[in-house]
Amino acid sequence: QQLLHRAKKHVADGKARTEIDQAAARRIVEEFLAAAASGRIEPLV
């Protein structure tokens, strides 16, 4: 129990993840790629 408590504390130090489905994942990737390919940093920021 103590090992689990310590482990969860360390893992929780990272940002909370947002759960998304396959369709949402595709939209995020498409938007990300469009921003990365734009040649400008503002869309990515």
ModelCIF file with pLDDT and N, C-alpha, C, O atoms, coordinates in Angstrom:
data_MODEL
#
_entry.id   MODEL 
#
_entity.id                         1 
_entity.type                       polymer 
_entity.pdbx_number_of_molecules   1 
#
_entity_poly.entity_id                      1 
_entity_poly.type                           'polypeptide(L)' 
_entity_poly.nstd_linkage                   no 
_entity_poly.nstd_monomer                   no 
_entity_poly.pdbx_seq_one_letter_code       QQLLHRAKKHVADGKARTEIDQAAARRIVEEFLAAAASGRIEPLV 
_entity_poly.pdbx_seq_one_letter_code_can   QQLLHRAKKHVADGKARTEIDQAAARRIVEEFLAAAASGRIEPLV 
_entity_poly.pdbx_strand_id                 A 
#
loop_
_entity_poly_seq.entity_id 
_entity_poly_seq.num 
_entity_poly_seq.mon_id 
_entity_poly_seq.hetero 
1 1  GLN n 
1 2  GLN n 
1 3  LEU n 
1 4  LEU n 
1 5  HIS n 
1 6  ARG n 
1 7  ALA n 
1 8  LYS n 
1 9  LYS n 
1 10 HIS n 
1 11 VAL n 
1 12 ALA n 
1 13 ASP n 
1 14 GLY n 
1 15 LYS n 
1 16 ALA n 
1 17 ARG n 
1 18 THR n 
1 19 GLU n 
1 20 ILE n 
1 21 ASP n 
1 22 GLN n 
1 23 ALA n 
1 24 ALA n 
1 25 ALA n 
1 26 ARG n 
1 27 ARG n 
1 28 ILE n 
1 29 VAL n 
1 30 GLU n 
1 31 GLU n 
1 32 PHE n 
1 33 LEU n 
1 34 ALA n 
1 35 ALA n 
1 36 ALA n 
1 37 ALA n 
1 38 SER n 
1 39 GLY n 
1 40 ARG n 
1 41 ILE n 
1 42 GLU n 
1 43 PRO n 
1 44 LEU n 
1 45 VAL n 
#
_struct_asym.id          A 
_struct_asym.entity_id   1 
#
loop_
_ma_qa_metric.id 
_ma_qa_metric.mode 
_ma_qa_metric.name 
_ma_qa_metric.software_group_id 
_ma_qa_metric.type 
1 global pLDDT . pLDDT 
2 local  pLDDT . pLDDT 
#
_ma_qa_metric_global.metric_id      1 
_ma_qa_metric_global.metric_value   89.44 
_ma_qa_metric_global.model_id       1 
_ma_qa_metric_global.ordinal_id     1 
#
loop_
_ma_qa_metric_local.label_asym_id 
_ma_qa_metric_local.label_comp_id 
_ma_qa_metric_local.label_seq_id 
_ma_qa_metric_local.metric_id 
_ma_qa_metric_local.metric_value 
_ma_qa_metric_local.model_id 
_ma_qa_metric_local.ordinal_id 
A GLN 1  2 98.00 1 1  
A GLN 2  2 98.00 1 2  
A LEU 3  2 97.00 1 3  
A LEU 4  2 97.00 1 4  
A HIS 5  2 96.00 1 5  
A ARG 6  2 95.00 1 6  
A ALA 7  2 95.00 1 7  
A LYS 8  2 93.00 1 8  
A LYS 9  2 91.00 1 9  
A HIS 10 2 88.00 1 10 
A VAL 11 2 89.00 1 11 
A ALA 12 2 83.00 1 12 
A ASP 13 2 70.00 1 13 
A GLY 14 2 67.00 1 14 
A LYS 15 2 63.00 1 15 
A ALA 16 2 69.00 1 16 
A ARG 17 2 74.00 1 17 
A THR 18 2 81.00 1 18 
A GLU 19 2 82.00 1 19 
A ILE 20 2 84.00 1 20 
A ASP 21 2 84.00 1 21 
A GLN 22 2 83.00 1 22 
A ALA 23 2 88.00 1 23 
A ALA 24 2 90.00 1 24 
A ALA 25 2 91.00 1 25 
A ARG 26 2 90.00 1 26 
A ARG 27 2 94.00 1 27 
A ILE 28 2 95.00 1 28 
A VAL 29 2 95.00 1 29 
A GLU 30 2 95.00 1 30 
A GLU 31 2 96.00 1 31 
A PHE 32 2 96.00 1 32 
A LEU 33 2 94.00 1 33 
A ALA 34 2 94.00 1 34 
A ALA 35 2 95.00 1 35 
A ALA 36 2 92.00 1 36 
A ALA 37 2 88.00 1 37 
A SER 38 2 91.00 1 38 
A GLY 39 2 89.00 1 39 
A ARG 40 2 93.00 1 40 
A ILE 41 2 95.00 1 41 
A GLU 42 2 97.00 1 42 
A PRO 43 2 96.00 1 43 
A LEU 44 2 97.00 1 44 
A VAL 45 2 97.00 1 45 
#
loop_
_atom_site.group_PDB 
_atom_site.id 
_atom_site.type_symbol 
_atom_site.label_atom_id 
_atom_site.label_alt_id 
_atom_site.label_comp_id 
_atom_site.label_asym_id 
_atom_site.label_entity_id 
_atom_site.label_seq_id 
_atom_site.pdbx_PDB_ins_code 
_atom_site.Cartn_x 
_atom_site.Cartn_y 
_atom_site.Cartn_z 
_atom_site.occupancy 
_atom_site.B_iso_or_equiv 
_atom_site.pdbx_formal_charge 
_atom_site.auth_seq_id 
_atom_site.auth_comp_id 
_atom_site.auth_asym_id 
_atom_site.auth_atom_id 
_atom_site.pdbx_PDB_model_num 
ATOM 1   N N  . GLN A 1 1  ? 0.828   -1.210 0.000   1.00 98.00 ? 1  GLN A N  1 
ATOM 2   C CA . GLN A 1 1  ? 0.000   0.000  0.000   1.00 98.00 ? 1  GLN A CA 1 
ATOM 3   C C  . GLN A 1 1  ? 0.862   1.260  0.000   1.00 98.00 ? 1  GLN A C  1 
ATOM 4   O O  . GLN A 1 1  ? 0.544   2.234  -0.683  1.00 98.00 ? 1  GLN A O  1 
ATOM 5   N N  . GLN A 1 2  ? 1.947   1.241  0.764   1.00 98.00 ? 2  GLN A N  1 
ATOM 6   C CA . GLN A 1 2  ? 2.837   2.408  0.820   1.00 98.00 ? 2  GLN A CA 1 
ATOM 7   C C  . GLN A 1 2  ? 3.557   2.614  -0.510  1.00 98.00 ? 2  GLN A C  1 
ATOM 8   O O  . GLN A 1 2  ? 3.725   3.750  -0.954  1.00 98.00 ? 2  GLN A O  1 
ATOM 9   N N  . LEU A 1 3  ? 3.982   1.530  -1.145  1.00 97.00 ? 3  LEU A N  1 
ATOM 10  C CA . LEU A 1 3  ? 4.636   1.631  -2.450  1.00 97.00 ? 3  LEU A CA 1 
ATOM 11  C C  . LEU A 1 3  ? 3.675   2.201  -3.495  1.00 97.00 ? 3  LEU A C  1 
ATOM 12  O O  . LEU A 1 3  ? 4.074   3.013  -4.330  1.00 97.00 ? 3  LEU A O  1 
ATOM 13  N N  . LEU A 1 4  ? 2.415   1.776  -3.450  1.00 97.00 ? 4  LEU A N  1 
ATOM 14  C CA . LEU A 1 4  ? 1.435   2.311  -4.386  1.00 97.00 ? 4  LEU A CA 1 
ATOM 15  C C  . LEU A 1 4  ? 1.219   3.798  -4.152  1.00 97.00 ? 4  LEU A C  1 
ATOM 16  O O  . LEU A 1 4  ? 1.139   4.574  -5.103  1.00 97.00 ? 4  LEU A O  1 
ATOM 17  N N  . HIS A 1 5  ? 1.125   4.189  -2.904  1.00 96.00 ? 5  HIS A N  1 
ATOM 18  C CA . HIS A 1 5  ? 0.930   5.615  -2.573  1.00 96.00 ? 5  HIS A CA 1 
ATOM 19  C C  . HIS A 1 5  ? 2.065   6.455  -3.147  1.00 96.00 ? 5  HIS A C  1 
ATOM 20  O O  . HIS A 1 5  ? 1.823   7.501  -3.749  1.00 96.00 ? 5  HIS A O  1 
ATOM 21  N N  . ARG A 1 6  ? 3.296   6.003  -2.962  1.00 95.00 ? 6  ARG A N  1 
ATOM 22  C CA . ARG A 1 6  ? 4.448   6.751  -3.477  1.00 95.00 ? 6  ARG A CA 1 
ATOM 23  C C  . ARG A 1 6  ? 4.456   6.774  -5.001  1.00 95.00 ? 6  ARG A C  1 
ATOM 24  O O  . ARG A 1 6  ? 4.741   7.801  -5.616  1.00 95.00 ? 6  ARG A O  1 
ATOM 25  N N  . ALA A 1 7  ? 4.139   5.625  -5.603  1.00 95.00 ? 7  ALA A N  1 
ATOM 26  C CA . ALA A 1 7  ? 4.147   5.539  -7.064  1.00 95.00 ? 7  ALA A CA 1 
ATOM 27  C C  . ALA A 1 7  ? 3.110   6.475  -7.669  1.00 95.00 ? 7  ALA A C  1 
ATOM 28  O O  . ALA A 1 7  ? 3.408   7.195  -8.622  1.00 95.00 ? 7  ALA A O  1 
ATOM 29  N N  . LYS A 1 8  ? 1.900   6.474  -7.128  1.00 93.00 ? 8  LYS A N  1 
ATOM 30  C CA . LYS A 1 8  ? 0.832   7.330  -7.655  1.00 93.00 ? 8  LYS A CA 1 
ATOM 31  C C  . LYS A 1 8  ? 1.188   8.799  -7.505  1.00 93.00 ? 8  LYS A C  1 
ATOM 32  O O  . LYS A 1 8  ? 0.832   9.610  -8.359  1.00 93.00 ? 8  LYS A O  1 
ATOM 33  N N  . LYS A 1 9  ? 1.882   9.151  -6.439  1.00 91.00 ? 9  LYS A N  1 
ATOM 34  C CA . LYS A 1 9  ? 2.302   10.541 -6.240  1.00 91.00 ? 9  LYS A CA 1 
ATOM 35  C C  . LYS A 1 9  ? 3.291   10.962 -7.321  1.00 91.00 ? 9  LYS A C  1 
ATOM 36  O O  . LYS A 1 9  ? 3.183   12.056 -7.877  1.00 91.00 ? 9  LYS A O  1 
ATOM 37  N N  . HIS A 1 10 ? 4.251   10.098 -7.616  1.00 88.00 ? 10 HIS A N  1 
ATOM 38  C CA . HIS A 1 10 ? 5.237   10.409 -8.660  1.00 88.00 ? 10 HIS A CA 1 
ATOM 39  C C  . HIS A 1 10 ? 4.570   10.525 -10.031 1.00 88.00 ? 10 HIS A C  1 
ATOM 40  O O  . HIS A 1 10 ? 4.849   11.456 -10.786 1.00 88.00 ? 10 HIS A O  1 
ATOM 41  N N  . VAL A 1 11 ? 3.691   9.577  -10.345 1.00 89.00 ? 11 VAL A N  1 
ATOM 42  C CA . VAL A 1 11 ? 3.027   9.585  -11.649 1.00 89.00 ? 11 VAL A CA 1 
ATOM 43  C C  . VAL A 1 11 ? 2.100   10.788 -11.775 1.00 89.00 ? 11 VAL A C  1 
ATOM 44  O O  . VAL A 1 11 ? 1.971   11.366 -12.854 1.00 89.00 ? 11 VAL A O  1 
ATOM 45  N N  . ALA A 1 12 ? 1.453   11.166 -10.670 1.00 83.00 ? 12 ALA A N  1 
ATOM 46  C CA . ALA A 1 12 ? 0.523   12.300 -10.692 1.00 83.00 ? 12 ALA A CA 1 
ATOM 47  C C  . ALA A 1 12 ? 1.242   13.628 -10.864 1.00 83.00 ? 12 ALA A C  1 
ATOM 48  O O  . ALA A 1 12 ? 0.596   14.639 -11.142 1.00 83.00 ? 12 ALA A O  1 
ATOM 49  N N  . ASP A 1 13 ? 2.563   13.656 -10.707 1.00 70.00 ? 13 ASP A N  1 
ATOM 50  C CA . ASP A 1 13 ? 3.314   14.895 -10.903 1.00 70.00 ? 13 ASP A CA 1 
ATOM 51  C C  . ASP A 1 13 ? 3.262   15.356 -12.357 1.00 70.00 ? 13 ASP A C  1 
ATOM 52  O O  . ASP A 1 13 ? 3.469   16.533 -12.648 1.00 70.00 ? 13 ASP A O  1 
ATOM 53  N N  . GLY A 1 14 ? 2.982   14.415 -13.273 1.00 67.00 ? 14 GLY A N  1 
ATOM 54  C CA . GLY A 1 14 ? 2.828   14.796 -14.670 1.00 67.00 ? 14 GLY A CA 1 
ATOM 55  C C  . GLY A 1 14 ? 1.458   15.394 -14.911 1.00 67.00 ? 14 GLY A C  1 
ATOM 56  O O  . GLY A 1 14 ? 0.568   15.272 -14.070 1.00 67.00 ? 14 GLY A O  1 
ATOM 57  N N  . LYS A 1 15 ? 1.280   16.041 -16.057 1.00 63.00 ? 15 LYS A N  1 
ATOM 58  C CA . LYS A 1 15 ? -0.009  16.657 -16.364 1.00 63.00 ? 15 LYS A CA 1 
ATOM 59  C C  . LYS A 1 15 ? -1.089  15.599 -16.552 1.00 63.00 ? 15 LYS A C  1 
ATOM 60  O O  . LYS A 1 15 ? -0.835  14.532 -17.110 1.00 63.00 ? 15 LYS A O  1 
ATOM 61  N N  . ALA A 1 16 ? -2.290  15.905 -16.083 1.00 69.00 ? 16 ALA A N  1 
ATOM 62  C CA . ALA A 1 16 ? -3.414  14.975 -16.238 1.00 69.00 ? 16 ALA A CA 1 
ATOM 63  C C  . ALA A 1 16 ? -3.736  14.798 -17.722 1.00 69.00 ? 16 ALA A C  1 
ATOM 64  O O  . ALA A 1 16 ? -3.813  15.764 -18.481 1.00 69.00 ? 16 ALA A O  1 
ATOM 65  N N  . ARG A 1 17 ? -3.920  13.548 -18.106 1.00 74.00 ? 17 ARG A N  1 
ATOM 66  C CA . ARG A 1 17 ? -4.178  13.222 -19.502 1.00 74.00 ? 17 ARG A CA 1 
ATOM 67  C C  . ARG A 1 17 ? -5.668  13.326 -19.789 1.00 74.00 ? 17 ARG A C  1 
ATOM 68  O O  . ARG A 1 17 ? -6.495  12.965 -18.952 1.00 74.00 ? 17 ARG A O  1 
ATOM 69  N N  . THR A 1 18 ? -6.005  13.818 -20.973 1.00 81.00 ? 18 THR A N  1 
ATOM 70  C CA . THR A 1 18 ? -7.390  13.893 -21.406 1.00 81.00 ? 18 THR A CA 1 
ATOM 71  C C  . THR A 1 18 ? -7.697  12.689 -22.283 1.00 81.00 ? 18 THR A C  1 
ATOM 72  O O  . THR A 1 18 ? -7.028  12.463 -23.291 1.00 81.00 ? 18 THR A O  1 
ATOM 73  N N  . GLU A 1 19 ? -8.709  11.917 -21.899 1.00 82.00 ? 19 GLU A N  1 
ATOM 74  C CA . GLU A 1 19 ? -9.068  10.740 -22.685 1.00 82.00 ? 19 GLU A CA 1 
ATOM 75  C C  . GLU A 1 19 ? -9.842  11.154 -23.930 1.00 82.00 ? 19 GLU A C  1 
ATOM 76  O O  . GLU A 1 19 ? -10.757 11.975 -23.857 1.00 82.00 ? 19 GLU A O  1 
ATOM 77  N N  . ILE A 1 20 ? -9.472  10.585 -25.063 1.00 84.00 ? 20 ILE A N  1 
ATOM 78  C CA . ILE A 1 20 ? -10.131 10.914 -26.325 1.00 84.00 ? 20 ILE A CA 1 
ATOM 79  C C  . ILE A 1 20 ? -10.319 9.643  -27.140 1.00 84.00 ? 20 ILE A C  1 
ATOM 80  O O  . ILE A 1 20 ? -9.586  8.668  -26.975 1.00 84.00 ? 20 ILE A O  1 
ATOM 81  N N  . ASP A 1 21 ? -11.322 9.670  -28.032 1.00 84.00 ? 21 ASP A N  1 
ATOM 82  C CA . ASP A 1 21 ? -11.560 8.506  -28.872 1.00 84.00 ? 21 ASP A CA 1 
ATOM 83  C C  . ASP A 1 21 ? -10.777 8.627  -30.181 1.00 84.00 ? 21 ASP A C  1 
ATOM 84  O O  . ASP A 1 21 ? -10.087 9.618  -30.417 1.00 84.00 ? 21 ASP A O  1 
ATOM 85  N N  . GLN A 1 22 ? -10.897 7.602  -31.024 1.00 83.00 ? 22 GLN A N  1 
ATOM 86  C CA . GLN A 1 22 ? -10.128 7.550  -32.269 1.00 83.00 ? 22 GLN A CA 1 
ATOM 87  C C  . GLN A 1 22 ? -10.441 8.731  -33.185 1.00 83.00 ? 22 GLN A C  1 
ATOM 88  O O  . GLN A 1 22 ? -9.536  9.301  -33.794 1.00 83.00 ? 22 GLN A O  1 
ATOM 89  N N  . ALA A 1 23 ? -11.714 9.099  -33.282 1.00 88.00 ? 23 ALA A N  1 
ATOM 90  C CA . ALA A 1 23 ? -12.092 10.211 -34.158 1.00 88.00 ? 23 ALA A CA 1 
ATOM 91  C C  . ALA A 1 23 ? -11.505 11.525 -33.663 1.00 88.00 ? 23 ALA A C  1 
ATOM 92  O O  . ALA A 1 23 ? -11.011 12.330 -34.452 1.00 88.00 ? 23 ALA A O  1 
ATOM 93  N N  . ALA A 1 24 ? -11.563 11.736 -32.344 1.00 90.00 ? 24 ALA A N  1 
ATOM 94  C CA . ALA A 1 24 ? -10.995 12.963 -31.779 1.00 90.00 ? 24 ALA A CA 1 
ATOM 95  C C  . ALA A 1 24 ? -9.479  12.990 -31.957 1.00 90.00 ? 24 ALA A C  1 
ATOM 96  O O  . ALA A 1 24 ? -8.889  14.037 -32.222 1.00 90.00 ? 24 ALA A O  1 
ATOM 97  N N  . ALA A 1 25 ? -8.863  11.823 -31.806 1.00 91.00 ? 25 ALA A N  1 
ATOM 98  C CA . ALA A 1 25 ? -7.411  11.741 -31.986 1.00 91.00 ? 25 ALA A CA 1 
ATOM 99  C C  . ALA A 1 25 ? -7.025  12.145 -33.403 1.00 91.00 ? 25 ALA A C  1 
ATOM 100 O O  . ALA A 1 25 ? -6.044  12.860 -33.606 1.00 91.00 ? 25 ALA A O  1 
ATOM 101 N N  . ARG A 1 26 ? -7.793  11.689 -34.371 1.00 90.00 ? 26 ARG A N  1 
ATOM 102 C CA . ARG A 1 26 ? -7.503  12.033 -35.764 1.00 90.00 ? 26 ARG A CA 1 
ATOM 103 C C  . ARG A 1 26 ? -7.624  13.545 -35.980 1.00 90.00 ? 26 ARG A C  1 
ATOM 104 O O  . ARG A 1 26 ? -6.788  14.146 -36.655 1.00 90.00 ? 26 ARG A O  1 
ATOM 105 N N  . ARG A 1 27 ? -8.661  14.154 -35.408 1.00 94.00 ? 27 ARG A N  1 
ATOM 106 C CA . ARG A 1 27 ? -8.830  15.603 -35.570 1.00 94.00 ? 27 ARG A CA 1 
ATOM 107 C C  . ARG A 1 27 ? -7.662  16.362 -34.949 1.00 94.00 ? 27 ARG A C  1 
ATOM 108 O O  . ARG A 1 27 ? -7.179  17.342 -35.517 1.00 94.00 ? 27 ARG A O  1 
ATOM 109 N N  . ILE A 1 28 ? -7.213  15.911 -33.792 1.00 95.00 ? 28 ILE A N  1 
ATOM 110 C CA . ILE A 1 28 ? -6.086  16.565 -33.127 1.00 95.00 ? 28 ILE A CA 1 
ATOM 111 C C  . ILE A 1 28 ? -4.824  16.456 -33.974 1.00 95.00 ? 28 ILE A C  1 
ATOM 112 O O  . ILE A 1 28 ? -4.094  17.432 -34.149 1.00 95.00 ? 28 ILE A O  1 
ATOM 113 N N  . VAL A 1 29 ? -4.573  15.257 -34.498 1.00 95.00 ? 29 VAL A N  1 
ATOM 114 C CA . VAL A 1 29 ? -3.380  15.058 -35.328 1.00 95.00 ? 29 VAL A CA 1 
ATOM 115 C C  . VAL A 1 29 ? -3.463  15.898 -36.597 1.00 95.00 ? 29 VAL A C  1 
ATOM 116 O O  . VAL A 1 29 ? -2.475  16.509 -37.004 1.00 95.00 ? 29 VAL A O  1 
ATOM 117 N N  . GLU A 1 30 ? -4.626  15.931 -37.219 1.00 95.00 ? 30 GLU A N  1 
ATOM 118 C CA . GLU A 1 30 ? -4.777  16.732 -38.446 1.00 95.00 ? 30 GLU A CA 1 
ATOM 119 C C  . GLU A 1 30 ? -4.515  18.210 -38.166 1.00 95.00 ? 30 GLU A C  1 
ATOM 120 O O  . GLU A 1 30 ? -3.828  18.881 -38.936 1.00 95.00 ? 30 GLU A O  1 
ATOM 121 N N  . GLU A 1 31 ? -5.061  18.709 -37.070 1.00 96.00 ? 31 GLU A N  1 
ATOM 122 C CA . GLU A 1 31 ? -4.852  20.120 -36.726 1.00 96.00 ? 31 GLU A CA 1 
ATOM 123 C C  . GLU A 1 31 ? -3.380  20.378 -36.405 1.00 96.00 ? 31 GLU A C  1 
ATOM 124 O O  . GLU A 1 31 ? -2.820  21.407 -36.784 1.00 96.00 ? 31 GLU A O  1 
ATOM 125 N N  . PHE A 1 32 ? -2.772  19.438 -35.708 1.00 96.00 ? 32 PHE A N  1 
ATOM 126 C CA . PHE A 1 32 ? -1.363  19.555 -35.350 1.00 96.00 ? 32 PHE A CA 1 
ATOM 127 C C  . PHE A 1 32 ? -0.485  19.575 -36.600 1.00 96.00 ? 32 PHE A C  1 
ATOM 128 O O  . PHE A 1 32 ? 0.417   20.405 -36.715 1.00 96.00 ? 32 PHE A O  1 
ATOM 129 N N  . LEU A 1 33 ? -0.750  18.662 -37.535 1.00 94.00 ? 33 LEU A N  1 
ATOM 130 C CA . LEU A 1 33 ? 0.054   18.599 -38.755 1.00 94.00 ? 33 LEU A CA 1 
ATOM 131 C C  . LEU A 1 33 ? -0.134  19.842 -39.614 1.00 94.00 ? 33 LEU A C  1 
ATOM 132 O O  . LEU A 1 33 ? 0.827   20.343 -40.198 1.00 94.00 ? 33 LEU A O  1 
ATOM 133 N N  . ALA A 1 34 ? -1.357  20.342 -39.696 1.00 94.00 ? 34 ALA A N  1 
ATOM 134 C CA . ALA A 1 34 ? -1.603  21.559 -40.467 1.00 94.00 ? 34 ALA A CA 1 
ATOM 135 C C  . ALA A 1 34 ? -0.814  22.729 -39.886 1.00 94.00 ? 34 ALA A C  1 
ATOM 136 O O  . ALA A 1 34 ? -0.256  23.541 -40.624 1.00 94.00 ? 34 ALA A O  1 
ATOM 137 N N  . ALA A 1 35 ? -0.772  22.806 -38.552 1.00 95.00 ? 35 ALA A N  1 
ATOM 138 C CA . ALA A 1 35 ? -0.017  23.880 -37.907 1.00 95.00 ? 35 ALA A CA 1 
ATOM 139 C C  . ALA A 1 35 ? 1.481   23.704 -38.134 1.00 95.00 ? 35 ALA A C  1 
ATOM 140 O O  . ALA A 1 35 ? 2.192   24.675 -38.395 1.00 95.00 ? 35 ALA A O  1 
ATOM 141 N N  . ALA A 1 36 ? 1.964   22.454 -38.034 1.00 92.00 ? 36 ALA A N  1 
ATOM 142 C CA . ALA A 1 36 ? 3.398   22.195 -38.205 1.00 92.00 ? 36 ALA A CA 1 
ATOM 143 C C  . ALA A 1 36 ? 3.850   22.462 -39.631 1.00 92.00 ? 36 ALA A C  1 
ATOM 144 O O  . ALA A 1 36 ? 4.986   22.880 -39.858 1.00 92.00 ? 36 ALA A O  1 
ATOM 145 N N  . ALA A 1 37 ? 2.955   22.220 -40.605 1.00 88.00 ? 37 ALA A N  1 
ATOM 146 C CA . ALA A 1 37 ? 3.319   22.387 -42.016 1.00 88.00 ? 37 ALA A CA 1 
ATOM 147 C C  . ALA A 1 37 ? 3.087   23.814 -42.515 1.00 88.00 ? 37 ALA A C  1 
ATOM 148 O O  . ALA A 1 37 ? 3.384   24.124 -43.668 1.00 88.00 ? 37 ALA A O  1 
ATOM 149 N N  . SER A 1 38 ? 2.560   24.676 -41.653 1.00 91.00 ? 38 SER A N  1 
ATOM 150 C CA . SER A 1 38 ? 2.219   26.033 -42.091 1.00 91.00 ? 38 SER A CA 1 
ATOM 151 C C  . SER A 1 38 ? 3.446   26.907 -42.324 1.00 91.00 ? 38 SER A C  1 
ATOM 152 O O  . SER A 1 38 ? 3.384   27.925 -43.013 1.00 91.00 ? 38 SER A O  1 
ATOM 153 N N  . GLY A 1 39 ? 4.566   26.482 -41.732 1.00 89.00 ? 39 GLY A N  1 
ATOM 154 C CA . GLY A 1 39 ? 5.775   27.303 -41.858 1.00 89.00 ? 39 GLY A CA 1 
ATOM 155 C C  . GLY A 1 39 ? 5.840   28.422 -40.841 1.00 89.00 ? 39 GLY A C  1 
ATOM 156 O O  . GLY A 1 39 ? 6.801   29.191 -40.835 1.00 89.00 ? 39 GLY A O  1 
ATOM 157 N N  . ARG A 1 40 ? 4.841   28.533 -39.981 1.00 93.00 ? 40 ARG A N  1 
ATOM 158 C CA . ARG A 1 40 ? 4.809   29.581 -38.951 1.00 93.00 ? 40 ARG A CA 1 
ATOM 159 C C  . ARG A 1 40 ? 4.684   28.928 -37.577 1.00 93.00 ? 40 ARG A C  1 
ATOM 160 O O  . ARG A 1 40 ? 4.106   27.849 -37.441 1.00 93.00 ? 40 ARG A O  1 
ATOM 161 N N  . ILE A 1 41 ? 5.226   29.588 -36.570 1.00 95.00 ? 41 ILE A N  1 
ATOM 162 C CA . ILE A 1 41 ? 5.173   28.991 -35.229 1.00 95.00 ? 41 ILE A CA 1 
ATOM 163 C C  . ILE A 1 41 ? 3.885   29.346 -34.494 1.00 95.00 ? 41 ILE A C  1 
ATOM 164 O O  . ILE A 1 41 ? 3.489   28.636 -33.570 1.00 95.00 ? 41 ILE A O  1 
ATOM 165 N N  . GLU A 1 42 ? 3.221   30.445 -34.894 1.00 97.00 ? 42 GLU A N  1 
ATOM 166 C CA . GLU A 1 42 ? 2.040   30.885 -34.135 1.00 97.00 ? 42 GLU A CA 1 
ATOM 167 C C  . GLU A 1 42 ? 0.944   29.830 -34.055 1.00 97.00 ? 42 GLU A C  1 
ATOM 168 O O  . GLU A 1 42 ? 0.405   29.615 -32.969 1.00 97.00 ? 42 GLU A O  1 
ATOM 169 N N  . PRO A 1 43 ? 0.583   29.150 -35.166 1.00 96.00 ? 43 PRO A N  1 
ATOM 170 C CA . PRO A 1 43 ? -0.459  28.117 -35.057 1.00 96.00 ? 43 PRO A CA 1 
ATOM 171 C C  . PRO A 1 43 ? -0.082  26.986 -34.110 1.00 96.00 ? 43 PRO A C  1 
ATOM 172 O O  . PRO A 1 43 ? -0.941  26.431 -33.424 1.00 96.00 ? 43 PRO A O  1 
ATOM 173 N N  . LEU A 1 44 ? 1.207   26.646 -34.073 1.00 97.00 ? 44 LEU A N  1 
ATOM 174 C CA . LEU A 1 44 ? 1.652   25.598 -33.163 1.00 97.00 ? 44 LEU A CA 1 
ATOM 175 C C  . LEU A 1 44 ? 1.614   26.061 -31.712 1.00 97.00 ? 44 LEU A C  1 
ATOM 176 O O  . LEU A 1 44 ? 1.183   25.322 -30.827 1.00 97.00 ? 44 LEU A O  1 
ATOM 177 N N  . VAL A 1 45 ? 2.061   27.272 -31.478 1.00 97.00 ? 45 VAL A N  1 
ATOM 178 C CA . VAL A 1 45 ? 2.058   27.809 -30.115 1.00 97.00 ? 45 VAL A CA 1 
ATOM 179 C C  . VAL A 1 45 ? 0.647   27.781 -29.534 1.00 97.00 ? 45 VAL A C  1 
ATOM 180 O O  . VAL A 1 45 ? 0.441   28.193 -28.393 1.00 97.00 ? 45 VAL A O  1 
#
